[in-house]
Amino acid sequence: MTLTEKHDALVLELGELKINFQALAARLGGSTEAQRAVDAVGVKLIVLEHSSGIADARHLVAHATVANDLPMFEEMVQRYSLPVDWTKEIQAGNVAAEDVETRIAERAHILSEAKKSVATLTRLRNEASQRRKKFPAEVLTIASEPDPLTGLERENFERLYIDTRAERATTSVFDKILKPLEPLAA
């Protein structure tokens, strides 16, 4: 079973549980049992996303949209780099003579900030491109799709995932943690 199939199966199971919540609550004898069933599948989905890298890829995809602003800042750099004939602006009535110095300083500040933004966004785009290469295509495809969970559901399932992390630890991990320290050889 591919990662996409596993992910889709868990999303489908979660969706069915949410739709049939009332019937499930009645069948299991209470809404708390039904909620536990929904939570268990939600945590399984979160575990799959974390273990396969989908969670990290989803984070990358969400923040990669920042690079879409790069052309706007590049255009600002071009526009504010052009010299302005301030005498024509004064004669046209666009600028008062006493405001020219302020306007020049404002343009220089805008140009400086636009150049910083271009540098930062270019760096972020390149870093995102490098990080994107580390993910398999299937993981990026799943991460690019709309999130099947609402923000509140994701937050709750993530919290449950973190809270139950100790329960998922294996006994070998506990043995390593709880193993008494061996005395140093003299």
N, C-alpha and C. Protein backbone atom coordinates (compact mmCIF):
# COMPACT_ATOMS: atom_id res chain seq x y z
N MET A 1 0.85 -1.18 0.00
CA MET A 1 0.00 0.00 0.00
C MET A 1 0.90 1.24 0.00
N THR A 2 0.65 2.14 -0.93
CA THR A 2 1.48 3.34 -1.04
C THR A 2 1.11 4.32 0.07
N LEU A 3 1.97 5.28 0.24
CA LEU A 3 1.75 6.32 1.25
C LEU A 3 0.46 7.08 0.97
N THR A 4 0.23 7.39 -0.29
CA THR A 4 -0.99 8.10 -0.67
C THR A 4 -2.23 7.28 -0.31
N GLU A 5 -2.17 5.98 -0.59
CA GLU A 5 -3.32 5.12 -0.28
C GLU A 5 -3.55 5.05 1.23
N LYS A 6 -2.46 4.93 2.00
CA LYS A 6 -2.59 4.90 3.47
C LYS A 6 -3.19 6.20 3.98
N HIS A 7 -2.67 7.32 3.47
CA HIS A 7 -3.16 8.63 3.90
C HIS A 7 -4.62 8.79 3.54
N ASP A 8 -4.98 8.46 2.29
CA ASP A 8 -6.37 8.59 1.84
C ASP A 8 -7.30 7.69 2.63
N ALA A 9 -6.84 6.48 2.98
CA ALA A 9 -7.66 5.55 3.76
C ALA A 9 -7.95 6.12 5.15
N LEU A 10 -6.93 6.68 5.79
CA LEU A 10 -7.13 7.27 7.11
C LEU A 10 -8.04 8.49 7.04
N VAL A 11 -7.87 9.32 6.01
CA VAL A 11 -8.73 10.50 5.85
C VAL A 11 -10.17 10.06 5.62
N LEU A 12 -10.36 9.03 4.80
CA LEU A 12 -11.70 8.51 4.52
C LEU A 12 -12.33 7.94 5.79
N GLU A 13 -11.55 7.14 6.54
CA GLU A 13 -12.05 6.57 7.79
C GLU A 13 -12.42 7.67 8.79
N LEU A 14 -11.59 8.68 8.89
CA LEU A 14 -11.87 9.79 9.79
C LEU A 14 -13.13 10.53 9.36
N GLY A 15 -13.26 10.76 8.08
CA GLY A 15 -14.45 11.44 7.56
C GLY A 15 -15.71 10.66 7.84
N GLU A 16 -15.65 9.34 7.64
CA GLU A 16 -16.81 8.49 7.91
C GLU A 16 -17.16 8.52 9.39
N LEU A 17 -16.14 8.47 10.24
CA LEU A 17 -16.40 8.51 11.69
C LEU A 17 -17.04 9.84 12.08
N LYS A 18 -16.56 10.93 11.51
CA LYS A 18 -17.13 12.23 11.84
C LYS A 18 -18.58 12.33 11.35
N ILE A 19 -18.85 11.80 10.16
CA ILE A 19 -20.21 11.85 9.61
C ILE A 19 -21.15 10.99 10.44
N ASN A 20 -20.69 9.83 10.82
CA ASN A 20 -21.53 8.89 11.55
C ASN A 20 -21.35 9.00 13.06
N PHE A 21 -20.94 10.15 13.54
CA PHE A 21 -20.64 10.33 14.95
C PHE A 21 -21.83 9.97 15.84
N GLN A 22 -23.01 10.44 15.49
CA GLN A 22 -24.19 10.16 16.32
C GLN A 22 -24.49 8.67 16.36
N ALA A 23 -24.48 8.03 15.18
CA ALA A 23 -24.74 6.59 15.14
C ALA A 23 -23.65 5.83 15.89
N LEU A 24 -22.41 6.26 15.72
CA LEU A 24 -21.29 5.62 16.40
C LEU A 24 -21.41 5.82 17.91
N ALA A 25 -21.82 6.99 18.33
CA ALA A 25 -22.00 7.26 19.76
C ALA A 25 -23.07 6.36 20.34
N ALA A 26 -24.17 6.20 19.61
CA ALA A 26 -25.24 5.33 20.10
C ALA A 26 -24.78 3.87 20.13
N ARG A 27 -24.04 3.45 19.09
CA ARG A 27 -23.58 2.06 19.01
C ARG A 27 -22.56 1.74 20.09
N LEU A 28 -21.67 2.69 20.38
CA LEU A 28 -20.63 2.44 21.37
C LEU A 28 -21.09 2.76 22.79
N GLY A 29 -22.31 3.27 22.93
CA GLY A 29 -22.85 3.48 24.26
C GLY A 29 -22.55 4.84 24.86
N GLY A 30 -22.12 5.78 24.09
CA GLY A 30 -21.87 7.11 24.62
C GLY A 30 -20.99 7.91 23.69
N SER A 31 -21.10 9.21 23.81
CA SER A 31 -20.33 10.06 22.90
C SER A 31 -18.84 10.06 23.23
N THR A 32 -18.47 9.75 24.48
CA THR A 32 -17.05 9.75 24.82
C THR A 32 -16.33 8.62 24.10
N GLU A 33 -16.97 7.45 23.99
CA GLU A 33 -16.36 6.34 23.26
C GLU A 33 -16.27 6.66 21.77
N ALA A 34 -17.31 7.29 21.26
CA ALA A 34 -17.29 7.68 19.85
C ALA A 34 -16.20 8.71 19.61
N GLN A 35 -16.05 9.66 20.53
CA GLN A 35 -15.01 10.68 20.39
C GLN A 35 -13.64 10.03 20.47
N ARG A 36 -13.47 9.05 21.33
CA ARG A 36 -12.19 8.34 21.42
C ARG A 36 -11.86 7.63 20.11
N ALA A 37 -12.89 7.07 19.46
CA ALA A 37 -12.66 6.40 18.18
C ALA A 37 -12.22 7.41 17.13
N VAL A 38 -12.89 8.57 17.09
CA VAL A 38 -12.51 9.62 16.15
C VAL A 38 -11.10 10.11 16.45
N ASP A 39 -10.81 10.32 17.73
CA ASP A 39 -9.48 10.79 18.14
C ASP A 39 -8.40 9.77 17.77
N ALA A 40 -8.69 8.49 17.94
CA ALA A 40 -7.71 7.45 17.63
C ALA A 40 -7.33 7.47 16.15
N VAL A 41 -8.32 7.62 15.28
CA VAL A 41 -8.04 7.68 13.85
C VAL A 41 -7.32 8.99 13.51
N GLY A 42 -7.73 10.07 14.15
CA GLY A 42 -7.05 11.36 13.92
C GLY A 42 -5.60 11.30 14.32
N VAL A 43 -5.31 10.67 15.44
CA VAL A 43 -3.91 10.54 15.88
C VAL A 43 -3.14 9.63 14.93
N LYS A 44 -3.79 8.57 14.42
CA LYS A 44 -3.13 7.69 13.43
C LYS A 44 -2.73 8.51 12.20
N LEU A 45 -3.61 9.41 11.78
CA LEU A 45 -3.32 10.26 10.62
C LEU A 45 -2.13 11.17 10.92
N ILE A 46 -2.10 11.75 12.10
CA ILE A 46 -1.00 12.63 12.50
C ILE A 46 0.30 11.84 12.57
N VAL A 47 0.25 10.64 13.15
CA VAL A 47 1.44 9.79 13.24
C VAL A 47 1.97 9.48 11.84
N LEU A 48 1.07 9.12 10.93
CA LEU A 48 1.49 8.84 9.56
C LEU A 48 2.12 10.07 8.92
N GLU A 49 1.52 11.24 9.11
CA GLU A 49 2.05 12.47 8.53
C GLU A 49 3.43 12.81 9.10
N HIS A 50 3.63 12.61 10.39
CA HIS A 50 4.93 12.91 11.00
C HIS A 50 5.98 11.88 10.59
N SER A 51 5.61 10.61 10.58
CA SER A 51 6.60 9.57 10.28
C SER A 51 7.01 9.56 8.81
N SER A 52 6.13 10.00 7.93
CA SER A 52 6.45 9.98 6.51
C SER A 52 7.00 11.30 6.00
N GLY A 53 6.95 12.36 6.81
CA GLY A 53 7.46 13.65 6.39
C GLY A 53 6.40 14.57 5.80
N ILE A 54 5.16 14.12 5.76
CA ILE A 54 4.09 14.94 5.20
C ILE A 54 3.91 16.22 6.02
N ALA A 55 4.03 16.12 7.33
CA ALA A 55 3.86 17.30 8.19
C ALA A 55 4.91 18.35 7.86
N ASP A 56 6.16 17.94 7.70
CA ASP A 56 7.22 18.89 7.35
C ASP A 56 7.02 19.46 5.95
N ALA A 57 6.60 18.60 5.03
CA ALA A 57 6.36 19.05 3.66
C ALA A 57 5.17 20.01 3.61
N ARG A 58 4.15 19.75 4.43
CA ARG A 58 2.99 20.64 4.49
C ARG A 58 3.42 22.02 5.00
N HIS A 59 4.30 22.03 5.98
CA HIS A 59 4.84 23.29 6.52
C HIS A 59 5.63 24.03 5.43
N LEU A 60 6.45 23.30 4.68
CA LEU A 60 7.23 23.90 3.60
C LEU A 60 6.32 24.49 2.52
N VAL A 61 5.31 23.74 2.13
CA VAL A 61 4.39 24.20 1.09
C VAL A 61 3.65 25.46 1.56
N ALA A 62 3.26 25.48 2.82
CA ALA A 62 2.53 26.65 3.35
C ALA A 62 3.40 27.90 3.35
N HIS A 63 4.69 27.75 3.62
CA HIS A 63 5.56 28.92 3.70
C HIS A 63 6.23 29.25 2.36
N ALA A 64 6.13 28.37 1.38
CA ALA A 64 6.74 28.63 0.08
C ALA A 64 5.98 29.70 -0.69
N THR A 65 4.76 30.00 -0.29
CA THR A 65 3.97 31.02 -0.99
C THR A 65 4.54 32.41 -0.79
N VAL A 66 5.44 32.58 0.18
CA VAL A 66 6.06 33.88 0.42
C VAL A 66 6.84 34.32 -0.81
N ALA A 67 7.41 33.37 -1.53
CA ALA A 67 8.19 33.70 -2.72
C ALA A 67 7.33 34.32 -3.83
N ASN A 68 6.02 34.20 -3.73
CA ASN A 68 5.13 34.80 -4.73
C ASN A 68 5.21 36.33 -4.70
N ASP A 69 5.68 36.90 -3.59
CA ASP A 69 5.80 38.35 -3.46
C ASP A 69 7.09 38.89 -4.10
N LEU A 70 7.99 38.00 -4.47
CA LEU A 70 9.28 38.43 -5.02
C LEU A 70 9.15 39.35 -6.24
N PRO A 71 8.32 39.04 -7.24
CA PRO A 71 8.22 39.94 -8.40
C PRO A 71 7.77 41.35 -8.02
N MET A 72 6.89 41.47 -7.03
CA MET A 72 6.41 42.79 -6.61
C MET A 72 7.58 43.62 -6.07
N PHE A 73 8.45 43.02 -5.24
CA PHE A 73 9.57 43.75 -4.67
C PHE A 73 10.64 44.05 -5.74
N GLU A 74 10.82 43.14 -6.69
CA GLU A 74 11.76 43.40 -7.78
C GLU A 74 11.29 44.60 -8.61
N GLU A 75 9.98 44.67 -8.82
CA GLU A 75 9.42 45.80 -9.57
C GLU A 75 9.59 47.10 -8.79
N MET A 76 9.46 47.03 -7.47
CA MET A 76 9.66 48.23 -6.63
C MET A 76 11.11 48.70 -6.72
N VAL A 77 12.05 47.76 -6.72
CA VAL A 77 13.47 48.13 -6.84
C VAL A 77 13.70 48.84 -8.16
N GLN A 78 13.14 48.33 -9.24
CA GLN A 78 13.30 48.97 -10.54
C GLN A 78 12.68 50.36 -10.55
N ARG A 79 11.47 50.48 -10.03
CA ARG A 79 10.76 51.75 -10.05
C ARG A 79 11.47 52.81 -9.21
N TYR A 80 11.91 52.45 -8.00
CA TYR A 80 12.52 53.44 -7.11
C TYR A 80 14.01 53.67 -7.40
N SER A 81 14.57 52.88 -8.31
CA SER A 81 15.96 53.10 -8.72
C SER A 81 16.05 54.17 -9.80
N LEU A 82 14.96 54.43 -10.49
CA LEU A 82 14.95 55.43 -11.55
C LEU A 82 15.11 56.83 -10.95
N PRO A 83 15.90 57.67 -11.61
CA PRO A 83 16.06 59.04 -11.09
C PRO A 83 14.78 59.85 -11.31
N VAL A 84 14.55 60.80 -10.42
CA VAL A 84 13.38 61.67 -10.50
C VAL A 84 13.86 63.09 -10.76
N ASP A 85 13.23 63.74 -11.71
CA ASP A 85 13.54 65.15 -11.98
C ASP A 85 12.66 65.98 -11.05
N TRP A 86 13.24 66.37 -9.92
CA TRP A 86 12.47 67.04 -8.89
C TRP A 86 12.02 68.43 -9.30
N THR A 87 12.77 69.10 -10.17
CA THR A 87 12.33 70.43 -10.62
C THR A 87 11.04 70.32 -11.43
N LYS A 88 10.92 69.29 -12.26
CA LYS A 88 9.67 69.08 -13.01
C LYS A 88 8.51 68.75 -12.07
N GLU A 89 8.80 67.96 -11.05
CA GLU A 89 7.76 67.60 -10.08
C GLU A 89 7.27 68.83 -9.32
N ILE A 90 8.21 69.72 -8.98
CA ILE A 90 7.84 70.96 -8.28
C ILE A 90 7.01 71.85 -9.20
N GLN A 91 7.47 71.98 -10.46
CA GLN A 91 6.75 72.82 -11.41
C GLN A 91 5.36 72.27 -11.72
N ALA A 92 5.22 70.94 -11.72
CA ALA A 92 3.91 70.33 -11.99
C ALA A 92 2.99 70.43 -10.79
N GLY A 93 3.54 70.78 -9.64
CA GLY A 93 2.72 70.93 -8.43
C GLY A 93 2.53 69.62 -7.69
N ASN A 94 3.28 68.60 -8.06
CA ASN A 94 3.16 67.31 -7.39
C ASN A 94 3.86 67.29 -6.03
N VAL A 95 4.88 68.15 -5.89
CA VAL A 95 5.67 68.18 -4.66
C VAL A 95 5.96 69.65 -4.33
N ALA A 96 5.87 69.97 -3.05
CA ALA A 96 6.25 71.31 -2.61
C ALA A 96 7.76 71.35 -2.49
N ALA A 97 8.36 72.50 -2.76
CA ALA A 97 9.81 72.64 -2.74
C ALA A 97 10.40 72.23 -1.40
N GLU A 98 9.69 72.55 -0.31
CA GLU A 98 10.23 72.23 1.02
C GLU A 98 10.10 70.72 1.34
N ASP A 99 9.31 69.97 0.56
CA ASP A 99 9.12 68.53 0.80
C ASP A 99 10.05 67.65 -0.03
N VAL A 100 10.85 68.25 -0.90
CA VAL A 100 11.71 67.47 -1.79
C VAL A 100 12.70 66.63 -0.98
N GLU A 101 13.31 67.22 0.00
CA GLU A 101 14.31 66.50 0.79
C GLU A 101 13.67 65.30 1.50
N THR A 102 12.48 65.51 2.03
CA THR A 102 11.76 64.42 2.70
C THR A 102 11.41 63.31 1.71
N ARG A 103 10.96 63.70 0.53
CA ARG A 103 10.60 62.72 -0.51
C ARG A 103 11.82 61.92 -0.96
N ILE A 104 12.95 62.58 -1.10
CA ILE A 104 14.18 61.88 -1.50
C ILE A 104 14.55 60.85 -0.43
N ALA A 105 14.46 61.24 0.82
CA ALA A 105 14.77 60.31 1.92
C ALA A 105 13.78 59.15 1.95
N GLU A 106 12.50 59.43 1.70
CA GLU A 106 11.50 58.37 1.68
C GLU A 106 11.76 57.38 0.56
N ARG A 107 12.09 57.89 -0.63
CA ARG A 107 12.39 57.01 -1.76
C ARG A 107 13.63 56.16 -1.48
N ALA A 108 14.63 56.75 -0.87
CA ALA A 108 15.84 55.99 -0.55
C ALA A 108 15.53 54.89 0.47
N HIS A 109 14.69 55.21 1.44
CA HIS A 109 14.31 54.21 2.44
C HIS A 109 13.51 53.07 1.80
N ILE A 110 12.55 53.41 0.96
CA ILE A 110 11.75 52.39 0.27
C ILE A 110 12.64 51.51 -0.59
N LEU A 111 13.56 52.13 -1.33
CA LEU A 111 14.49 51.37 -2.18
C LEU A 111 15.33 50.42 -1.33
N SER A 112 15.84 50.91 -0.23
CA SER A 112 16.67 50.09 0.65
C SER A 112 15.88 48.88 1.18
N GLU A 113 14.66 49.13 1.64
CA GLU A 113 13.83 48.05 2.19
C GLU A 113 13.42 47.07 1.09
N ALA A 114 13.13 47.55 -0.10
CA ALA A 114 12.77 46.67 -1.21
C ALA A 114 13.94 45.77 -1.59
N LYS A 115 15.17 46.34 -1.59
CA LYS A 115 16.34 45.52 -1.89
C LYS A 115 16.55 44.44 -0.83
N LYS A 116 16.34 44.79 0.44
CA LYS A 116 16.44 43.79 1.52
C LYS A 116 15.41 42.69 1.33
N SER A 117 14.20 43.09 0.95
CA SER A 117 13.13 42.11 0.75
C SER A 117 13.44 41.18 -0.41
N VAL A 118 13.99 41.73 -1.49
CA VAL A 118 14.37 40.90 -2.64
C VAL A 118 15.43 39.89 -2.22
N ALA A 119 16.42 40.34 -1.46
CA ALA A 119 17.48 39.43 -1.01
C ALA A 119 16.92 38.34 -0.11
N THR A 120 16.07 38.72 0.83
CA THR A 120 15.49 37.76 1.76
C THR A 120 14.59 36.76 1.04
N LEU A 121 13.71 37.25 0.18
CA LEU A 121 12.80 36.36 -0.52
C LEU A 121 13.53 35.45 -1.50
N THR A 122 14.58 35.93 -2.10
CA THR A 122 15.38 35.10 -3.00
C THR A 122 16.05 33.97 -2.20
N ARG A 123 16.59 34.33 -1.05
CA ARG A 123 17.22 33.32 -0.19
C ARG A 123 16.19 32.30 0.28
N LEU A 124 15.02 32.76 0.71
CA LEU A 124 13.97 31.84 1.15
C LEU A 124 13.51 30.93 0.03
N ARG A 125 13.36 31.47 -1.17
CA ARG A 125 12.95 30.65 -2.31
C ARG A 125 13.98 29.58 -2.62
N ASN A 126 15.26 29.96 -2.57
CA ASN A 126 16.33 28.98 -2.85
C ASN A 126 16.40 27.91 -1.77
N GLU A 127 16.25 28.32 -0.51
CA GLU A 127 16.26 27.35 0.58
C GLU A 127 15.07 26.40 0.47
N ALA A 128 13.91 26.94 0.13
CA ALA A 128 12.72 26.09 -0.03
C ALA A 128 12.91 25.11 -1.18
N SER A 129 13.54 25.58 -2.23
CA SER A 129 13.81 24.70 -3.37
C SER A 129 14.74 23.56 -2.97
N GLN A 130 15.77 23.87 -2.19
CA GLN A 130 16.69 22.83 -1.72
C GLN A 130 15.98 21.86 -0.78
N ARG A 131 15.16 22.37 0.12
CA ARG A 131 14.43 21.49 1.05
C ARG A 131 13.41 20.64 0.31
N ARG A 132 12.81 21.21 -0.72
CA ARG A 132 11.81 20.48 -1.50
C ARG A 132 12.43 19.24 -2.15
N LYS A 133 13.69 19.32 -2.54
CA LYS A 133 14.37 18.20 -3.18
C LYS A 133 14.55 17.01 -2.24
N LYS A 134 14.49 17.27 -0.93
CA LYS A 134 14.69 16.21 0.06
C LYS A 134 13.44 15.36 0.27
N PHE A 135 12.29 15.84 -0.20
CA PHE A 135 11.05 15.10 -0.01
C PHE A 135 10.72 14.28 -1.26
N PRO A 136 10.21 13.07 -1.07
CA PRO A 136 9.73 12.31 -2.23
C PRO A 136 8.55 13.01 -2.89
N ALA A 137 8.37 12.76 -4.17
CA ALA A 137 7.29 13.42 -4.92
C ALA A 137 5.92 13.11 -4.33
N GLU A 138 5.72 11.88 -3.87
CA GLU A 138 4.43 11.49 -3.31
C GLU A 138 4.11 12.31 -2.05
N VAL A 139 5.11 12.54 -1.22
CA VAL A 139 4.92 13.33 0.00
C VAL A 139 4.55 14.76 -0.35
N LEU A 140 5.25 15.34 -1.32
CA LEU A 140 4.94 16.72 -1.74
C LEU A 140 3.54 16.82 -2.35
N THR A 141 3.13 15.78 -3.07
CA THR A 141 1.79 15.79 -3.67
C THR A 141 0.73 15.80 -2.58
N ILE A 142 0.90 14.94 -1.57
CA ILE A 142 -0.07 14.89 -0.47
C ILE A 142 -0.06 16.22 0.28
N ALA A 143 1.12 16.77 0.54
CA ALA A 143 1.23 18.03 1.29
C ALA A 143 0.63 19.20 0.52
N SER A 144 0.63 19.14 -0.79
CA SER A 144 0.11 20.23 -1.61
C SER A 144 -1.41 20.23 -1.69
N GLU A 145 -2.01 19.08 -1.39
CA GLU A 145 -3.47 18.99 -1.43
C GLU A 145 -4.07 19.75 -0.25
N PRO A 146 -5.33 20.15 -0.36
CA PRO A 146 -5.96 20.83 0.77
C PRO A 146 -5.94 19.94 2.01
N ASP A 147 -5.74 20.55 3.15
CA ASP A 147 -5.66 19.81 4.41
C ASP A 147 -7.02 19.19 4.72
N PRO A 148 -7.06 17.87 4.94
CA PRO A 148 -8.35 17.23 5.22
C PRO A 148 -8.89 17.56 6.61
N LEU A 149 -8.04 18.11 7.46
CA LEU A 149 -8.46 18.45 8.83
C LEU A 149 -8.66 19.96 8.95
N THR A 150 -9.60 20.33 9.79
CA THR A 150 -9.75 21.75 10.10
C THR A 150 -8.62 22.14 11.03
N GLY A 151 -8.42 23.42 11.21
CA GLY A 151 -7.36 23.88 12.10
C GLY A 151 -7.53 23.38 13.52
N LEU A 152 -8.77 23.39 14.01
CA LEU A 152 -9.05 22.92 15.37
C LEU A 152 -8.81 21.43 15.49
N GLU A 153 -9.25 20.66 14.49
CA GLU A 153 -9.02 19.21 14.52
C GLU A 153 -7.53 18.90 14.53
N ARG A 154 -6.79 19.57 13.64
CA ARG A 154 -5.36 19.33 13.58
C ARG A 154 -4.70 19.67 14.91
N GLU A 155 -5.09 20.78 15.50
CA GLU A 155 -4.51 21.18 16.78
C GLU A 155 -4.82 20.15 17.86
N ASN A 156 -6.07 19.68 17.91
CA ASN A 156 -6.45 18.67 18.91
C ASN A 156 -5.73 17.35 18.69
N PHE A 157 -5.67 16.89 17.45
CA PHE A 157 -5.00 15.61 17.18
C PHE A 157 -3.50 15.72 17.42
N GLU A 158 -2.91 16.86 17.10
CA GLU A 158 -1.48 17.07 17.38
C GLU A 158 -1.24 17.04 18.89
N ARG A 159 -2.13 17.67 19.65
CA ARG A 159 -1.99 17.66 21.10
C ARG A 159 -2.11 16.25 21.65
N LEU A 160 -3.08 15.49 21.14
CA LEU A 160 -3.23 14.10 21.57
C LEU A 160 -2.01 13.27 21.18
N TYR A 161 -1.47 13.54 20.00
CA TYR A 161 -0.27 12.84 19.54
C TYR A 161 0.90 13.11 20.49
N ILE A 162 1.07 14.34 20.85
CA ILE A 162 2.17 14.70 21.77
C ILE A 162 1.92 14.12 23.16
N ASP A 163 0.67 14.21 23.63
CA ASP A 163 0.34 13.72 24.97
C ASP A 163 0.48 12.19 25.09
N THR A 164 0.29 11.47 23.99
CA THR A 164 0.36 10.00 24.05
C THR A 164 1.69 9.46 23.53
N ARG A 165 2.65 10.34 23.35
CA ARG A 165 3.94 9.90 22.83
C ARG A 165 4.60 8.86 23.75
N ALA A 166 4.50 9.05 25.04
CA ALA A 166 5.10 8.11 25.98
C ALA A 166 4.45 6.73 25.88
N GLU A 167 3.16 6.69 25.63
CA GLU A 167 2.46 5.40 25.50
C GLU A 167 2.91 4.65 24.26
N ARG A 168 3.37 5.36 23.25
CA ARG A 168 3.81 4.71 22.02
C ARG A 168 5.27 4.28 22.08
N ALA A 169 5.97 4.67 23.12
CA ALA A 169 7.38 4.30 23.24
C ALA A 169 7.50 2.79 23.46
N THR A 170 8.51 2.20 22.90
CA THR A 170 8.70 0.75 23.04
C THR A 170 9.40 0.43 24.35
N THR A 171 9.31 -0.82 24.74
CA THR A 171 9.98 -1.22 25.98
C THR A 171 11.48 -1.12 25.85
N SER A 172 12.02 -1.33 24.67
CA SER A 172 13.47 -1.20 24.52
C SER A 172 13.92 0.23 24.80
N VAL A 173 13.09 1.19 24.41
CA VAL A 173 13.40 2.58 24.70
C VAL A 173 13.36 2.81 26.21
N PHE A 174 12.33 2.26 26.87
CA PHE A 174 12.25 2.39 28.31
C PHE A 174 13.44 1.73 29.00
N ASP A 175 13.85 0.58 28.47
CA ASP A 175 15.01 -0.11 29.07
C ASP A 175 16.25 0.77 28.99
N LYS A 176 16.43 1.45 27.86
CA LYS A 176 17.60 2.32 27.71
C LYS A 176 17.51 3.51 28.66
N ILE A 177 16.32 4.05 28.79
CA ILE A 177 16.14 5.22 29.65
C ILE A 177 16.32 4.85 31.12
N LEU A 178 15.72 3.75 31.50
CA LEU A 178 15.70 3.37 32.92
C LEU A 178 16.91 2.55 33.36
N LYS A 179 17.79 2.20 32.43
CA LYS A 179 18.96 1.41 32.75
C LYS A 179 19.84 2.20 33.72
N PRO A 180 20.22 1.55 34.83
CA PRO A 180 21.08 2.29 35.78
C PRO A 180 22.44 2.58 35.16
N LEU A 181 23.00 3.67 35.60
CA LEU A 181 24.33 4.04 35.09
C LEU A 181 25.36 3.04 35.57
N GLU A 182 26.20 2.66 34.63
CA GLU A 182 27.27 1.72 34.99
C GLU A 182 28.44 2.52 35.55
N PRO A 183 29.09 1.96 36.58
CA PRO A 183 30.22 2.70 37.18
C PRO A 183 31.37 2.79 36.18
N LEU A 184 32.08 3.87 36.25
CA LEU A 184 33.25 4.08 35.39
C LEU A 184 34.37 3.16 35.80
N ALA A 185 35.08 2.60 34.81
CA ALA A 185 36.21 1.72 35.11
C ALA A 185 37.34 2.57 35.64
N ALA A 186 37.97 2.07 36.70
CA ALA A 186 39.03 2.84 37.35
C ALA A 186 40.34 2.67 36.66
